[in-house]
Amino acid sequence: MWQTYALLSAFFAALTAIFAKVGVSTINSNLATTVRTTVILIITWFAALAFSDLSQIKRISASSLLFLILSGCTTGLSWLFYFIIICLCISC
């Protein structure tokens, strides 16, 4: 089963790069990142509400919370720089 998830992950990652390049071609890279992040936020909250036990939030350790926050920060920075590079490559 994990192989199916790995293939789906790779497939959607490839589509992400293609869609991002097309989507950022006419707007500022920071705005593109904001739109993309908002969509991701909605989807992930829907998944959490539909498929998770949200009472587990209370049990997140300080260490886990710190690393999840750091991961979120580095992900956001990665996306910002990714979109800047795309924008530079297509001469926004």
C-alpha atoms as a PDB file:
ATOM      1  CA  MET A   1       0.000   0.000   0.000  1.00  0.00           C
ATOM      2  CA  TRP A   2       2.846   2.419   0.757  1.00  0.00           C
ATOM      3  CA  GLN A   3       4.023   2.074  -2.856  1.00  0.00           C
ATOM      4  CA  THR A   4       0.701   3.455  -4.069  1.00  0.00           C
ATOM      5  CA  TYR A   5       1.003   6.425  -1.725  1.00  0.00           C
ATOM      6  CA  ALA A   6       4.594   7.005  -2.850  1.00  0.00           C
ATOM      7  CA  LEU A   7       3.531   7.040  -6.514  1.00  0.00           C
ATOM      8  CA  LEU A   8       0.630   9.376  -5.775  1.00  0.00           C
ATOM      9  CA  SER A   9       2.957  11.661  -3.834  1.00  0.00           C
ATOM     10  CA  ALA A  10       5.431  11.813  -6.728  1.00  0.00           C
ATOM     11  CA  PHE A  11       2.640  12.362  -9.246  1.00  0.00           C
ATOM     12  CA  PHE A  12       1.111  15.244  -7.304  1.00  0.00           C
ATOM     13  CA  ALA A  13       4.539  16.756  -6.595  1.00  0.00           C
ATOM     14  CA  ALA A  14       5.191  16.828 -10.341  1.00  0.00           C
ATOM     15  CA  LEU A  15       1.823  18.455 -10.990  1.00  0.00           C
ATOM     16  CA  THR A  16       2.554  20.978  -8.237  1.00  0.00           C
ATOM     17  CA  ALA A  17       5.680  22.165 -10.016  1.00  0.00           C
ATOM     18  CA  ILE A  18       3.892  22.442 -13.359  1.00  0.00           C
ATOM     19  CA  PHE A  19       0.856  24.252 -11.954  1.00  0.00           C
ATOM     20  CA  ALA A  20       3.046  26.574  -9.874  1.00  0.00           C
ATOM     21  CA  LYS A  21       5.077  27.629 -12.890  1.00  0.00           C
ATOM     22  CA  VAL A  22       1.952  28.428 -14.881  1.00  0.00           C
ATOM     23  CA  GLY A  23       0.189  30.062 -11.914  1.00  0.00           C
ATOM     24  CA  VAL A  24       3.011  32.412 -10.992  1.00  0.00           C
ATOM     25  CA  SER A  25       3.577  33.650 -14.536  1.00  0.00           C
ATOM     26  CA  THR A  26       1.334  36.713 -14.178  1.00  0.00           C
ATOM     27  CA  ILE A  27       1.431  37.568 -10.448  1.00  0.00           C
ATOM     28  CA  ASN A  28       3.891  38.399  -7.700  1.00  0.00           C
ATOM     29  CA  SER A  29       5.597  35.336  -6.236  1.00  0.00           C
ATOM     30  CA  ASN A  30       4.600  36.231  -2.660  1.00  0.00           C
ATOM     31  CA  LEU A  31       0.950  36.518  -3.645  1.00  0.00           C
ATOM     32  CA  ALA A  32       1.195  33.171  -5.439  1.00  0.00           C
ATOM     33  CA  THR A  33       2.583  31.583  -2.274  1.00  0.00           C
ATOM     34  CA  THR A  34      -0.222  33.126  -0.213  1.00  0.00           C
ATOM     35  CA  VAL A  35      -2.931  31.742  -2.495  1.00  0.00           C
ATOM     36  CA  ARG A  36      -1.327  28.312  -2.571  1.00  0.00           C
ATOM     37  CA  THR A  37      -0.877  28.233   1.211  1.00  0.00           C
ATOM     38  CA  THR A  38      -4.489  29.247   1.806  1.00  0.00           C
ATOM     39  CA  VAL A  39      -5.704  26.361  -0.344  1.00  0.00           C
ATOM     40  CA  ILE A  40      -3.403  23.936   1.488  1.00  0.00           C
ATOM     41  CA  LEU A  41      -4.639  25.256   4.837  1.00  0.00           C
ATOM     42  CA  ILE A  42      -8.275  24.636   3.895  1.00  0.00           C
ATOM     43  CA  ILE A  43      -7.564  21.128   2.593  1.00  0.00           C
ATOM     44  CA  THR A  44      -5.480  20.078   5.594  1.00  0.00           C
ATOM     45  CA  TRP A  45      -8.027  21.394   8.137  1.00  0.00           C
ATOM     46  CA  PHE A  46     -10.761  19.530   6.275  1.00  0.00           C
ATOM     47  CA  ALA A  47      -8.695  16.332   6.427  1.00  0.00           C
ATOM     48  CA  ALA A  48      -7.897  16.848  10.113  1.00  0.00           C
ATOM     49  CA  LEU A  49     -11.535  17.464  10.990  1.00  0.00           C
ATOM     50  CA  ALA A  50     -12.756  14.536   8.912  1.00  0.00           C
ATOM     51  CA  PHE A  51     -10.149  11.907   9.727  1.00  0.00           C
ATOM     52  CA  SER A  52      -8.368  12.831  12.973  1.00  0.00           C
ATOM     53  CA  ASP A  53      -9.034  12.959  16.671  1.00  0.00           C
ATOM     54  CA  LEU A  54      -8.460  16.657  17.379  1.00  0.00           C
ATOM     55  CA  SER A  55      -8.338  16.042  21.118  1.00  0.00           C
ATOM     56  CA  GLN A  56      -4.772  14.827  20.505  1.00  0.00           C
ATOM     57  CA  ILE A  57      -3.738  18.477  20.118  1.00  0.00           C
ATOM     58  CA  LYS A  58      -3.595  18.715  23.901  1.00  0.00           C
ATOM     59  CA  ARG A  59      -1.042  15.903  23.994  1.00  0.00           C
ATOM     60  CA  ILE A  60       1.519  17.452  21.648  1.00  0.00           C
ATOM     61  CA  SER A  61       4.745  17.845  23.590  1.00  0.00           C
ATOM     62  CA  ALA A  62       6.618  21.145  23.634  1.00  0.00           C
ATOM     63  CA  SER A  63       9.462  19.529  21.719  1.00  0.00           C
ATOM     64  CA  SER A  64       7.167  18.159  19.000  1.00  0.00           C
ATOM     65  CA  LEU A  65       5.377  21.488  18.735  1.00  0.00           C
ATOM     66  CA  LEU A  66       8.686  23.333  18.370  1.00  0.00           C
ATOM     67  CA  PHE A  67       9.854  21.047  15.563  1.00  0.00           C
ATOM     68  CA  LEU A  68       6.484  21.212  13.795  1.00  0.00           C
ATOM     69  CA  ILE A  69       6.633  25.024  13.935  1.00  0.00           C
ATOM     70  CA  LEU A  70      10.213  24.995  12.632  1.00  0.00           C
ATOM     71  CA  SER A  71       9.160  22.611   9.861  1.00  0.00           C
ATOM     72  CA  GLY A  72       6.303  24.929   8.926  1.00  0.00           C
ATOM     73  CA  CYS A  73       8.636  27.932   8.842  1.00  0.00           C
ATOM     74  CA  THR A  74      11.186  26.170   6.651  1.00  0.00           C
ATOM     75  CA  THR A  75       8.448  24.877   4.346  1.00  0.00           C
ATOM     76  CA  GLY A  76       7.071  28.383   3.940  1.00  0.00           C
ATOM     77  CA  LEU A  77      10.522  29.798   3.221  1.00  0.00           C
ATOM     78  CA  SER A  78      11.188  27.001   0.747  1.00  0.00           C
ATOM     79  CA  TRP A  79       7.983  27.829  -1.146  1.00  0.00           C
ATOM     80  CA  LEU A  80       8.724  31.555  -1.129  1.00  0.00           C
ATOM     81  CA  PHE A  81      12.170  31.020  -2.626  1.00  0.00           C
ATOM     82  CA  TYR A  82      10.829  28.416  -5.065  1.00  0.00           C
ATOM     83  CA  PHE A  83       8.285  30.889  -6.416  1.00  0.00           C
ATOM     84  CA  ILE A  84      10.902  33.654  -6.586  1.00  0.00           C
ATOM     85  CA  ILE A  85      13.111  31.394  -8.696  1.00  0.00           C
ATOM     86  CA  ILE A  86      10.212  30.476 -10.977  1.00  0.00           C
ATOM     87  CA  CYS A  87       9.316  34.127 -11.354  1.00  0.00           C
ATOM     88  CA  LEU A  88      12.918  35.027 -12.193  1.00  0.00           C
ATOM     89  CA  CYS A  89      13.153  32.203 -14.724  1.00  0.00           C
ATOM     90  CA  ILE A  90      10.056  33.300 -16.599  1.00  0.00           C
ATOM     91  CA  SER A  91      10.817  37.022 -16.168  1.00  0.00           C
ATOM     92  CA  CYS A  92       7.811  38.116 -14.104  1.00  0.00           C
END
